């Protein structure tokens, strides 16, 4: 029992220093907060899936992509995908494209 308490105390300290110690607990400032965030995120997605069924849930995600594609056009959608693929934890897509000399034609992103 003491071992579990010690381990949780270590995880809590790491969480207080800004580290994510619970998968899905991003943004929590303590171990307990991260556990609650992870549980809520998981439950929210599961609830929607339960309401729609697996096939309906998948179609909902696909429909969102199709709507965006209609808003910005096929070329804009493809360009957006190129730009998104360049994003890293440390650099934005624009910064990385600039550093590597990759041209992103943002004029293809039509306004909705």
PDB file of N, CA and C in Angstrom:
ATOM      1  N   UNK A   1       0.823  -1.192   0.000  1.00  0.00           N
ATOM      2  CA  UNK A   1       0.000   0.000   0.000  1.00  0.00           C
ATOM      3  C   UNK A   1       0.869   1.259   0.000  1.00  0.00           C
ATOM      4  N   UNK A   2       1.927   1.236   0.797  1.00  0.00           N
ATOM      5  CA  UNK A   2       2.833   2.391   0.872  1.00  0.00           C
ATOM      6  C   UNK A   2       3.511   2.612  -0.479  1.00  0.00           C
ATOM      7  N   UNK A   3       3.824   1.510  -1.168  1.00  0.00           N
ATOM      8  CA  UNK A   3       4.461   1.616  -2.479  1.00  0.00           C
ATOM      9  C   UNK A   3       3.548   2.341  -3.475  1.00  0.00           C
ATOM     10  N   UNK A   4       2.280   2.006  -3.463  1.00  0.00           N
ATOM     11  CA  UNK A   4       1.312   2.650  -4.356  1.00  0.00           C
ATOM     12  C   UNK A   4       1.207   4.139  -4.031  1.00  0.00           C
ATOM     13  N   UNK A   5       1.183   4.454  -2.743  1.00  0.00           N
ATOM     14  CA  UNK A   5       1.095   5.853  -2.316  1.00  0.00           C
ATOM     15  C   UNK A   5       2.337   6.637  -2.765  1.00  0.00           C
ATOM     16  N   UNK A   6       3.518   6.022  -2.627  1.00  0.00           N
ATOM     17  CA  UNK A   6       4.769   6.671  -3.045  1.00  0.00           C
ATOM     18  C   UNK A   6       4.779   6.909  -4.553  1.00  0.00           C
ATOM     19  N   UNK A   7       4.347   5.902  -5.304  1.00  0.00           N
ATOM     20  CA  UNK A   7       4.321   6.015  -6.770  1.00  0.00           C
ATOM     21  C   UNK A   7       3.361   7.118  -7.209  1.00  0.00           C
ATOM     22  N   UNK A   8       2.193   7.183  -6.587  1.00  0.00           N
ATOM     23  CA  UNK A   8       1.218   8.235  -6.921  1.00  0.00           C
ATOM     24  C   UNK A   8       1.769   9.618  -6.563  1.00  0.00           C
ATOM     25  N   UNK A   9       2.505   9.701  -5.450  1.00  0.00           N
ATOM     26  CA  UNK A   9       3.103  10.977  -5.048  1.00  0.00           C
ATOM     27  C   UNK A   9       4.138  11.438  -6.076  1.00  0.00           C
ATOM     28  N   UNK A  10       4.929  10.493  -6.588  1.00  0.00           N
ATOM     29  CA  UNK A  10       5.919  10.826  -7.625  1.00  0.00           C
ATOM     30  C   UNK A  10       5.222  11.302  -8.900  1.00  0.00           C
ATOM     31  N   UNK A  11       4.186  10.589  -9.303  1.00  0.00           N
ATOM     32  CA  UNK A  11       3.438  10.981 -10.507  1.00  0.00           C
ATOM     33  C   UNK A  11       2.785  12.346 -10.314  1.00  0.00           C
ATOM     34  N   UNK A  12       2.243  12.585  -9.119  1.00  0.00           N
ATOM     35  CA  UNK A  12       1.612  13.866  -8.833  1.00  0.00           C
ATOM     36  C   UNK A  12       2.634  15.006  -8.934  1.00  0.00           C
ATOM     37  N   UNK A  13       3.818  14.782  -8.428  1.00  0.00           N
ATOM     38  CA  UNK A  13       4.875  15.810  -8.494  1.00  0.00           C
ATOM     39  C   UNK A  13       5.253  16.101  -9.953  1.00  0.00           C
ATOM     40  N   UNK A  14       5.388  15.040 -10.752  1.00  0.00           N
ATOM     41  CA  UNK A  14       5.707  15.234 -12.174  1.00  0.00           C
ATOM     42  C   UNK A  14       4.589  16.000 -12.880  1.00  0.00           C
ATOM     43  N   UNK A  15       3.337  15.694 -12.537  1.00  0.00           N
ATOM     44  CA  UNK A  15       2.192  16.397 -13.135  1.00  0.00           C
ATOM     45  C   UNK A  15       2.202  17.865 -12.744  1.00  0.00           C
ATOM     46  N   UNK A  16       2.542  18.156 -11.517  1.00  0.00           N
ATOM     47  CA  UNK A  16       2.596  19.553 -11.048  1.00  0.00           C
ATOM     48  C   UNK A  16       3.692  20.339 -11.757  1.00  0.00           C
ATOM     49  N   UNK A  17       4.694  19.642 -12.285  1.00  0.00           N
ATOM     50  CA  UNK A  17       5.766  20.291 -13.028  1.00  0.00           C
ATOM     51  C   UNK A  17       5.411  20.451 -14.507  1.00  0.00           C
ATOM     52  N   UNK A  18       4.207  20.029 -14.882  1.00  0.00           N
ATOM     53  CA  UNK A  18       3.726  20.233 -16.246  1.00  0.00           C
ATOM     54  C   UNK A  18       3.789  19.019 -17.140  1.00  0.00           C
ATOM     55  N   UNK A  19       4.245  17.896 -16.630  1.00  0.00           N
ATOM     56  CA  UNK A  19       4.341  16.681 -17.436  1.00  0.00           C
ATOM     57  C   UNK A  19       2.990  15.960 -17.466  1.00  0.00           C
ATOM     58  N   UNK A  20       2.660  15.400 -18.614  1.00  0.00           N
ATOM     59  CA  UNK A  20       1.451  14.580 -18.713  1.00  0.00           C
ATOM     60  C   UNK A  20       1.816  13.167 -18.297  1.00  0.00           C
ATOM     61  N   UNK A  21       1.251  12.707 -17.209  1.00  0.00           N
ATOM     62  CA  UNK A  21       1.581  11.385 -16.667  1.00  0.00           C
ATOM     63  C   UNK A  21       0.451  10.381 -16.854  1.00  0.00           C
ATOM     64  N   UNK A  22      -0.700  10.845 -17.329  1.00  0.00           N
ATOM     65  CA  UNK A  22      -1.854   9.976 -17.576  1.00  0.00           C
ATOM     66  C   UNK A  22      -2.252  10.156 -19.042  1.00  0.00           C
ATOM     67  N   UNK A  23      -2.289   9.085 -19.833  1.00  0.00           N
ATOM     68  CA  UNK A  23      -2.704   9.233 -21.230  1.00  0.00           C
ATOM     69  C   UNK A  23      -4.076   9.906 -21.317  1.00  0.00           C
ATOM     70  N   UNK A  24      -4.167  10.958 -22.092  1.00  0.00           N
ATOM     71  CA  UNK A  24      -5.420  11.696 -22.228  1.00  0.00           C
ATOM     72  C   UNK A  24      -5.624  12.740 -21.149  1.00  0.00           C
ATOM     73  N   UNK A  25      -4.682  12.878 -20.234  1.00  0.00           N
ATOM     74  CA  UNK A  25      -4.811  13.830 -19.136  1.00  0.00           C
ATOM     75  C   UNK A  25      -4.144  15.165 -19.411  1.00  0.00           C
ATOM     76  N   UNK A  26      -3.970  15.494 -20.660  1.00  0.00           N
ATOM     77  CA  UNK A  26      -3.286  16.723 -21.055  1.00  0.00           C
ATOM     78  C   UNK A  26      -3.944  17.939 -20.424  1.00  0.00           C
ATOM     79  N   UNK A  27      -3.147  18.785 -19.817  1.00  0.00           N
ATOM     80  CA  UNK A  27      -3.657  20.019 -19.233  1.00  0.00           C
ATOM     81  C   UNK A  27      -3.914  19.937 -17.744  1.00  0.00           C
ATOM     82  N   UNK A  28      -3.905  18.742 -17.181  1.00  0.00           N
ATOM     83  CA  UNK A  28      -4.153  18.609 -15.749  1.00  0.00           C
ATOM     84  C   UNK A  28      -2.937  19.018 -14.941  1.00  0.00           C
ATOM     85  N   UNK A  29      -3.156  19.764 -13.880  1.00  0.00           N
ATOM     86  CA  UNK A  29      -2.053  20.274 -13.065  1.00  0.00           C
ATOM     87  C   UNK A  29      -1.732  19.386 -11.871  1.00  0.00           C
ATOM     88  N   UNK A  30      -2.401  18.247 -11.782  1.00  0.00           N
ATOM     89  CA  UNK A  30      -2.113  17.266 -10.728  1.00  0.00           C
ATOM     90  C   UNK A  30      -2.478  15.888 -11.270  1.00  0.00           C
ATOM     91  N   UNK A  31      -2.015  14.867 -10.594  1.00  0.00           N
ATOM     92  CA  UNK A  31      -2.333  13.500 -11.019  1.00  0.00           C
ATOM     93  C   UNK A  31      -3.843  13.293 -11.036  1.00  0.00           C
ATOM     94  N   UNK A  32      -4.510  13.730  -9.988  1.00  0.00           N
ATOM     95  CA  UNK A  32      -5.962  13.551  -9.898  1.00  0.00           C
ATOM     96  C   UNK A  32      -6.677  14.294 -11.027  1.00  0.00           C
ATOM     97  N   UNK A  33      -6.235  15.524 -11.312  1.00  0.00           N
ATOM     98  CA  UNK A  33      -6.866  16.300 -12.385  1.00  0.00           C
ATOM     99  C   UNK A  33      -6.677  15.610 -13.731  1.00  0.00           C
ATOM    100  N   UNK A  34      -5.484  15.077 -13.971  1.00  0.00           N
ATOM    101  CA  UNK A  34      -5.227  14.378 -15.233  1.00  0.00           C
ATOM    102  C   UNK A  34      -6.081  13.121 -15.348  1.00  0.00           C
ATOM    103  N   UNK A  35      -6.261  12.414 -14.237  1.00  0.00           N
ATOM    104  CA  UNK A  35      -7.109  11.221 -14.256  1.00  0.00           C
ATOM    105  C   UNK A  35      -8.554  11.587 -14.605  1.00  0.00           C
ATOM    106  N   UNK A  36      -9.043  12.679 -14.032  1.00  0.00           N
ATOM    107  CA  UNK A  36     -10.417  13.111 -14.317  1.00  0.00           C
ATOM    108  C   UNK A  36     -10.564  13.574 -15.766  1.00  0.00           C
ATOM    109  N   UNK A  37      -9.571  14.311 -16.267  1.00  0.00           N
ATOM    110  CA  UNK A  37      -9.626  14.751 -17.664  1.00  0.00           C
ATOM    111  C   UNK A  37      -9.642  13.562 -18.617  1.00  0.00           C
ATOM    112  N   UNK A  38      -8.761  12.608 -18.372  1.00  0.00           N
ATOM    113  CA  UNK A  38      -8.682  11.429 -19.234  1.00  0.00           C
ATOM    114  C   UNK A  38      -9.987  10.647 -19.206  1.00  0.00           C
ATOM    115  N   UNK A  39     -10.565  10.501 -18.035  1.00  0.00           N
ATOM    116  CA  UNK A  39     -11.829   9.764 -17.897  1.00  0.00           C
ATOM    117  C   UNK A  39     -12.949  10.482 -18.631  1.00  0.00           C
ATOM    118  N   UNK A  40     -13.004  11.792 -18.487  1.00  0.00           N
ATOM    119  CA  UNK A  40     -14.057  12.568 -19.148  1.00  0.00           C
ATOM    120  C   UNK A  40     -13.947  12.542 -20.654  1.00  0.00           C
ATOM    121  N   UNK A  41     -12.734  12.647 -21.182  1.00  0.00           N
ATOM    122  CA  UNK A  41     -12.539  12.630 -22.636  1.00  0.00           C
ATOM    123  C   UNK A  41     -12.913  11.281 -23.208  1.00  0.00           C
ATOM    124  N   UNK A  42     -12.490  10.238 -22.532  1.00  0.00           N
ATOM    125  CA  UNK A  42     -12.801   8.894 -22.998  1.00  0.00           C
ATOM    126  C   UNK A  42     -14.308   8.663 -22.949  1.00  0.00           C
ATOM    127  N   UNK A  43     -14.922   9.053 -21.856  1.00  0.00           N
ATOM    128  CA  UNK A  43     -16.360   8.832 -21.681  1.00  0.00           C
ATOM    129  C   UNK A  43     -17.164   9.628 -22.695  1.00  0.00           C
ATOM    130  N   UNK A  44     -16.731  10.863 -22.997  1.00  0.00           N
ATOM    131  CA  UNK A  44     -17.464  11.689 -23.957  1.00  0.00           C
ATOM    132  C   UNK A  44     -17.517  11.055 -25.333  1.00  0.00           C
ATOM    133  N   UNK A  45     -16.382  10.546 -25.783  1.00  0.00           N
ATOM    134  CA  UNK A  45     -16.338   9.877 -27.083  1.00  0.00           C
ATOM    135  C   UNK A  45     -17.141   8.595 -27.078  1.00  0.00           C
ATOM    136  N   UNK A  46     -17.063   7.853 -25.981  1.00  0.00           N
ATOM    137  CA  UNK A  46     -17.805   6.605 -25.884  1.00  0.00           C
ATOM    138  C   UNK A  46     -19.307   6.859 -25.876  1.00  0.00           C
ATOM    139  N   UNK A  47     -19.748   7.906 -25.185  1.00  0.00           N
ATOM    140  CA  UNK A  47     -21.169   8.222 -25.125  1.00  0.00           C
ATOM    141  C   UNK A  47     -21.708   8.518 -26.519  1.00  0.00           C
ATOM    142  N   UNK A  48     -20.981   9.339 -27.269  1.00  0.00           N
ATOM    143  CA  UNK A  48     -21.426   9.689 -28.622  1.00  0.00           C
ATOM    144  C   UNK A  48     -21.453   8.449 -29.508  1.00  0.00           C
ATOM    145  N   UNK A  49     -20.456   7.577 -29.361  1.00  0.00           N
ATOM    146  CA  UNK A  49     -20.412   6.348 -30.145  1.00  0.00           C
ATOM    147  C   UNK A  49     -21.594   5.455 -29.773  1.00  0.00           C
ATOM    148  N   UNK A  50     -21.913   5.412 -28.471  1.00  0.00           N
ATOM    149  CA  UNK A  50     -23.054   4.609 -28.026  1.00  0.00           C
ATOM    150  C   UNK A  50     -24.356   5.140 -28.620  1.00  0.00           C
ATOM    151  N   UNK A  51     -24.468   6.471 -28.720  1.00  0.00           N
ATOM    152  CA  UNK A  51     -25.682   7.072 -29.262  1.00  0.00           C
ATOM    153  C   UNK A  51     -25.847   6.782 -30.749  1.00  0.00           C
ATOM    154  N   UNK A  52     -24.740   6.868 -31.484  1.00  0.00           N
ATOM    155  CA  UNK A  52     -24.802   6.751 -32.937  1.00  0.00           C
ATOM    156  C   UNK A  52     -24.530   5.348 -33.458  1.00  0.00           C
ATOM    157  N   UNK A  53     -23.895   4.522 -32.649  1.00  0.00           N
ATOM    158  CA  UNK A  53     -23.415   3.238 -33.122  1.00  0.00           C
ATOM    159  C   UNK A  53     -22.073   3.449 -33.812  1.00  0.00           C
ATOM    160  N   UNK A  54     -21.289   2.396 -33.931  1.00  0.00           N
ATOM    161  CA  UNK A  54     -19.942   2.525 -34.494  1.00  0.00           C
ATOM    162  C   UNK A  54     -19.980   3.054 -35.922  1.00  0.00           C
ATOM    163  N   UNK A  55     -20.862   2.524 -36.745  1.00  0.00           N
ATOM    164  CA  UNK A  55     -20.919   2.959 -38.142  1.00  0.00           C
ATOM    165  C   UNK A  55     -21.336   4.424 -38.246  1.00  0.00           C
ATOM    166  N   UNK A  56     -22.326   4.829 -37.483  1.00  0.00           N
ATOM    167  CA  UNK A  56     -22.765   6.220 -37.494  1.00  0.00           C
ATOM    168  C   UNK A  56     -21.688   7.166 -37.002  1.00  0.00           C
ATOM    169  N   UNK A  57     -20.921   6.726 -36.008  1.00  0.00           N
ATOM    170  CA  UNK A  57     -19.835   7.534 -35.451  1.00  0.00           C
ATOM    171  C   UNK A  57     -18.749   7.738 -36.503  1.00  0.00           C
ATOM    172  N   UNK A  58     -18.421   6.684 -37.251  1.00  0.00           N
ATOM    173  CA  UNK A  58     -17.418   6.782 -38.313  1.00  0.00           C
ATOM    174  C   UNK A  58     -17.907   7.702 -39.432  1.00  0.00           C
ATOM    175  N   UNK A  59     -19.181   7.586 -39.782  1.00  0.00           N
ATOM    176  CA  UNK A  59     -19.738   8.431 -40.842  1.00  0.00           C
ATOM    177  C   UNK A  59     -19.742   9.898 -40.420  1.00  0.00           C
ATOM    178  N   UNK A  60     -19.978  10.167 -39.139  1.00  0.00           N
ATOM    179  CA  UNK A  60     -19.958  11.525 -38.635  1.00  0.00           C
ATOM    180  C   UNK A  60     -18.577  12.150 -38.843  1.00  0.00           C
ATOM    181  N   UNK A  61     -17.529  11.411 -38.529  1.00  0.00           N
ATOM    182  CA  UNK A  61     -16.167  11.906 -38.731  1.00  0.00           C
ATOM    183  C   UNK A  61     -15.870  12.128 -40.199  1.00  0.00           C
ATOM    184  N   UNK A  62     -16.295  11.231 -41.028  1.00  0.00           N
ATOM    185  CA  UNK A  62     -16.084  11.367 -42.475  1.00  0.00           C
ATOM    186  C   UNK A  62     -16.838  12.570 -43.022  1.00  0.00           C
ATOM    187  N   UNK A  63     -18.050  12.782 -42.537  1.00  0.00           N
ATOM    188  CA  UNK A  63     -18.869  13.895 -42.999  1.00  0.00           C
ATOM    189  C   UNK A  63     -18.213  15.241 -42.671  1.00  0.00           C
ATOM    190  N   UNK A  64     -17.562  15.329 -41.494  1.00  0.00           N
ATOM    191  CA  UNK A  64     -16.865  16.559 -41.125  1.00  0.00           C
ATOM    192  C   UNK A  64     -15.762  16.892 -42.113  1.00  0.00           C
ATOM    193  N   UNK A  65     -15.004  15.891 -42.510  1.00  0.00           N
ATOM    194  CA  UNK A  65     -13.942  16.091 -43.495  1.00  0.00           C
ATOM    195  C   UNK A  65     -14.499  16.501 -44.841  1.00  0.00           C
ATOM    196  N   UNK A  66     -15.607  15.899 -45.236  1.00  0.00           N
ATOM    197  CA  UNK A  66     -16.222  16.236 -46.522  1.00  0.00           C
ATOM    198  C   UNK A  66     -16.750  17.667 -46.516  1.00  0.00           C
ATOM    199  N   UNK A  67     -17.336  18.089 -45.398  1.00  0.00           N
ATOM    200  CA  UNK A  67     -17.853  19.454 -45.296  1.00  0.00           C
ATOM    201  C   UNK A  67     -16.721  20.448 -45.449  1.00  0.00           C
ATOM    202  N   UNK A  68     -15.594  20.211 -44.771  1.00  0.00           N
ATOM    203  CA  UNK A  68     -14.449  21.111 -44.862  1.00  0.00           C
ATOM    204  C   UNK A  68     -13.920  21.138 -46.293  1.00  0.00           C
ATOM    205  N   UNK A  69     -13.904  19.987 -46.937  1.00  0.00           N
ATOM    206  CA  UNK A  69     -13.427  19.892 -48.321  1.00  0.00           C
ATOM    207  C   UNK A  69     -14.310  20.737 -49.243  1.00  0.00           C
ATOM    208  N   UNK A  70     -15.618  20.727 -48.979  1.00  0.00           N
ATOM    209  CA  UNK A  70     -16.533  21.535 -49.783  1.00  0.00           C
ATOM    210  C   UNK A  70     -16.321  23.020 -49.526  1.00  0.00           C
ATOM    211  N   UNK A  71     -15.988  23.382 -48.285  1.00  0.00           N
ATOM    212  CA  UNK A  71     -15.800  24.789 -47.947  1.00  0.00           C
ATOM    213  C   UNK A  71     -14.566  25.380 -48.615  1.00  0.00           C
ATOM    214  N   UNK A  72     -13.462  24.648 -48.609  1.00  0.00           N
ATOM    215  CA  UNK A  72     -12.218  25.228 -49.122  1.00  0.00           C
ATOM    216  C   UNK A  72     -11.806  24.658 -50.469  1.00  0.00           C
ATOM    217  N   UNK A  73     -12.601  23.746 -51.016  1.00  0.00           N
ATOM    218  CA  UNK A  73     -12.296  23.180 -52.324  1.00  0.00           C
ATOM    219  C   UNK A  73     -11.275  22.057 -52.228  1.00  0.00           C
ATOM    220  N   UNK A  74     -11.225  21.247 -53.260  1.00  0.00           N
ATOM    221  CA  UNK A  74     -10.334  20.089 -53.268  1.00  0.00           C
ATOM    222  C   UNK A  74      -8.870  20.509 -53.177  1.00  0.00           C
ATOM    223  N   UNK A  75      -8.471  21.518 -53.952  1.00  0.00           N
ATOM    224  CA  UNK A  75      -7.075  21.957 -53.919  1.00  0.00           C
ATOM    225  C   UNK A  75      -6.701  22.511 -52.545  1.00  0.00           C
ATOM    226  N   UNK A  76      -7.582  23.305 -51.959  1.00  0.00           N
ATOM    227  CA  UNK A  76      -7.320  23.859 -50.638  1.00  0.00           C
ATOM    228  C   UNK A  76      -7.218  22.782 -49.588  1.00  0.00           C
ATOM    229  N   UNK A  77      -8.077  21.768 -49.718  1.00  0.00           N
ATOM    230  CA  UNK A  77      -8.077  20.652 -48.769  1.00  0.00           C
ATOM    231  C   UNK A  77      -6.765  19.883 -48.858  1.00  0.00           C
ATOM    232  N   UNK A  78      -6.294  19.663 -50.086  1.00  0.00           N
ATOM    233  CA  UNK A  78      -5.022  18.962 -50.268  1.00  0.00           C
ATOM    234  C   UNK A  78      -3.859  19.791 -49.730  1.00  0.00           C
ATOM    235  N   UNK A  79      -3.901  21.092 -49.984  1.00  0.00           N
ATOM    236  CA  UNK A  79      -2.836  21.982 -49.498  1.00  0.00           C
ATOM    237  C   UNK A  79      -2.849  22.031 -47.970  1.00  0.00           C
ATOM    238  N   UNK A  80      -4.039  22.032 -47.390  1.00  0.00           N
ATOM    239  CA  UNK A  80      -4.164  22.032 -45.932  1.00  0.00           C
ATOM    240  C   UNK A  80      -3.542  20.754 -45.359  1.00  0.00           C
ATOM    241  N   UNK A  81      -3.738  19.635 -46.036  1.00  0.00           N
ATOM    242  CA  UNK A  81      -3.138  18.371 -45.607  1.00  0.00           C
ATOM    243  C   UNK A  81      -1.626  18.416 -45.668  1.00  0.00           C
ATOM    244  N   UNK A  82      -1.084  19.012 -46.716  1.00  0.00           N
ATOM    245  CA  UNK A  82       0.371  19.163 -46.826  1.00  0.00           C
ATOM    246  C   UNK A  82       0.898  19.992 -45.663  1.00  0.00           C
ATOM    247  N   UNK A  83       0.207  21.085 -45.387  1.00  0.00           N
ATOM    248  CA  UNK A  83       0.644  21.987 -44.325  1.00  0.00           C
ATOM    249  C   UNK A  83       0.538  21.286 -42.969  1.00  0.00           C
ATOM    250  N   UNK A  84      -0.548  20.592 -42.724  1.00  0.00           N
ATOM    251  CA  UNK A  84      -0.733  19.885 -41.462  1.00  0.00           C
ATOM    252  C   UNK A  84       0.318  18.826 -41.234  1.00  0.00           C
ATOM    253  N   UNK A  85       0.769  18.192 -42.295  1.00  0.00           N
ATOM    254  CA  UNK A  85       1.791  17.161 -42.188  1.00  0.00           C
ATOM    255  C   UNK A  85       3.147  17.704 -41.780  1.00  0.00           C
ATOM    256  N   UNK A  86       3.340  19.001 -41.903  1.00  0.00           N
ATOM    257  CA  UNK A  86       4.616  19.616 -41.547  1.00  0.00           C
ATOM    258  C   UNK A  86       4.690  20.010 -40.074  1.00  0.00           C
ATOM    259  N   UNK A  87       3.563  20.075 -39.402  1.00  0.00           N
ATOM    260  CA  UNK A  87       3.525  20.524 -38.015  1.00  0.00           C
ATOM    261  C   UNK A  87       4.257  19.548 -37.111  1.00  0.00           C
ATOM    262  N   UNK A  88       5.054  20.084 -36.197  1.00  0.00           N
ATOM    263  CA  UNK A  88       5.725  19.265 -35.187  1.00  0.00           C
ATOM    264  C   UNK A  88       5.439  19.871 -33.819  1.00  0.00           C
ATOM    265  N   UNK A  89       5.899  19.206 -32.786  1.00  0.00           N
ATOM    266  CA  UNK A  89       5.713  19.708 -31.430  1.00  0.00           C
ATOM    267  C   UNK A  89       6.456  21.036 -31.250  1.00  0.00           C
ATOM    268  N   UNK A  90       7.590  21.147 -31.915  1.00  0.00           N
ATOM    269  CA  UNK A  90       8.468  22.283 -31.692  1.00  0.00           C
ATOM    270  C   UNK A  90       8.283  23.431 -32.685  1.00  0.00           C
ATOM    271  N   UNK A  91       7.675  23.169 -33.831  1.00  0.00           N
ATOM    272  CA  UNK A  91       7.544  24.205 -34.859  1.00  0.00           C
ATOM    273  C   UNK A  91       6.160  24.143 -35.499  1.00  0.00           C
ATOM    274  N   UNK A  92       5.670  25.322 -35.872  1.00  0.00           N
ATOM    275  CA  UNK A  92       4.416  25.368 -36.621  1.00  0.00           C
ATOM    276  C   UNK A  92       4.702  24.922 -38.050  1.00  0.00           C
ATOM    277  N   UNK A  93       3.662  24.598 -38.775  1.00  0.00           N
ATOM    278  CA  UNK A  93       3.820  24.190 -40.166  1.00  0.00           C
ATOM    279  C   UNK A  93       4.436  25.310 -40.983  1.00  0.00           C
ATOM    280  N   UNK A  94       4.013  26.545 -40.750  1.00  0.00           N
ATOM    281  CA  UNK A  94       4.547  27.681 -41.510  1.00  0.00           C
ATOM    282  C   UNK A  94       6.038  27.845 -41.267  1.00  0.00           C
ATOM    283  N   UNK A  95       6.462  27.745 -39.994  1.00  0.00           N
ATOM    284  CA  UNK A  95       7.886  27.879 -39.666  1.00  0.00           C
ATOM    285  C   UNK A  95       8.708  26.766 -40.303  1.00  0.00           C
ATOM    286  N   UNK A  96       8.209  25.537 -40.211  1.00  0.00           N
ATOM    287  CA  UNK A  96       8.950  24.415 -40.775  1.00  0.00           C
ATOM    288  C   UNK A  96       9.017  24.517 -42.291  1.00  0.00           C
ATOM    289  N   UNK A  97       7.921  24.891 -42.929  1.00  0.00           N
ATOM    290  CA  UNK A  97       7.915  25.049 -44.388  1.00  0.00           C
ATOM    291  C   UNK A  97       8.921  26.116 -44.799  1.00  0.00           C
ATOM    292  N   UNK A  98       8.954  27.217 -44.071  1.00  0.00           N
ATOM    293  CA  UNK A  98       9.904  28.298 -44.372  1.00  0.00           C
ATOM    294  C   UNK A  98      11.343  27.815 -44.224  1.00  0.00           C
ATOM    295  N   UNK A  99      11.636  27.135 -43.108  1.00  0.00           N
ATOM    296  CA  UNK A  99      12.988  26.641 -42.844  1.00  0.00           C
ATOM    297  C   UNK A  99      13.463  25.645 -43.894  1.00  0.00           C
ATOM    298  N   UNK A 100      12.538  24.831 -44.392  1.00  0.00           N
ATOM    299  CA  UNK A 100      12.911  23.788 -45.348  1.00  0.00           C
ATOM    300  C   UNK A 100      12.675  24.199 -46.794  1.00  0.00           C
ATOM    301  N   UNK A 101      12.227  25.426 -47.001  1.00  0.00           N
ATOM    302  CA  UNK A 101      12.022  25.919 -48.363  1.00  0.00           C
ATOM    303  C   UNK A 101      10.837  25.293 -49.080  1.00  0.00           C
ATOM    304  N   UNK A 102       9.850  24.846 -48.337  1.00  0.00           N
ATOM    305  CA  UNK A 102       8.653  24.238 -48.927  1.00  0.00           C
ATOM    306  C   UNK A 102       7.618  25.332 -49.143  1.00  0.00           C
ATOM    307  N   UNK A 103       7.075  25.401 -50.346  1.00  0.00           N
ATOM    308  CA  UNK A 103       6.077  26.418 -50.669  1.00  0.00           C
ATOM    309  C   UNK A 103       4.678  25.912 -50.312  1.00  0.00           C
ATOM    310  N   UNK A 104       3.953  26.697 -49.549  1.00  0.00           N
ATOM    311  CA  UNK A 104       2.552  26.405 -49.218  1.00  0.00           C
ATOM    312  C   UNK A 104       1.733  27.528 -49.840  1.00  0.00           C
ATOM    313  N   UNK A 105       0.828  27.176 -50.737  1.00  0.00           N
ATOM    314  CA  UNK A 105       0.013  28.170 -51.424  1.00  0.00           C
ATOM    315  C   UNK A 105      -1.288  28.369 -50.653  1.00  0.00           C
ATOM    316  N   UNK A 106      -1.283  29.322 -49.729  1.00  0.00           N
ATOM    317  CA  UNK A 106      -2.464  29.555 -48.895  1.00  0.00           C
ATOM    318  C   UNK A 106      -3.585  30.257 -49.650  1.00  0.00           C
ATOM    319  N   UNK A 107      -3.321  30.726 -50.854  1.00  0.00           N
ATOM    320  CA  UNK A 107      -4.390  31.319 -51.646  1.00  0.00           C
ATOM    321  C   UNK A 107      -5.423  30.265 -52.045  1.00  0.00           C
ATOM    322  N   UNK A 108      -5.040  29.007 -51.946  1.00  0.00           N
ATOM    323  CA  UNK A 108      -5.976  27.915 -52.264  1.00  0.00           C
ATOM    324  C   UNK A 108      -6.996  27.693 -51.160  1.00  0.00           C
ATOM    325  N   UNK A 109      -6.758  28.265 -49.960  1.00  0.00           N
ATOM    326  CA  UNK A 109      -7.710  28.146 -48.866  1.00  0.00           C
ATOM    327  C   UNK A 109      -8.783  29.185 -49.061  1.00  0.00           C
ATOM    328  N   UNK A 110      -9.862  28.816 -49.753  1.00  0.00           N
ATOM    329  CA  UNK A 110     -10.964  29.758 -49.948  1.00  0.00           C
ATOM    330  C   UNK A 110     -11.637  30.075 -48.625  1.00  0.00           C
ATOM    331  N   UNK A 111     -12.119  31.285 -48.471  1.00  0.00           N
ATOM    332  CA  UNK A 111     -12.873  31.633 -47.272  1.00  0.00           C
ATOM    333  C   UNK A 111     -14.250  31.023 -47.365  1.00  0.00           C
ATOM    334  N   UNK A 112     -14.749  30.460 -46.245  1.00  0.00           N
ATOM    335  CA  UNK A 112     -16.086  29.842 -46.282  1.00  0.00           C
ATOM    336  C   UNK A 112     -17.182  30.878 -46.431  1.00  0.00           C
TER     337      UNK A 112
END
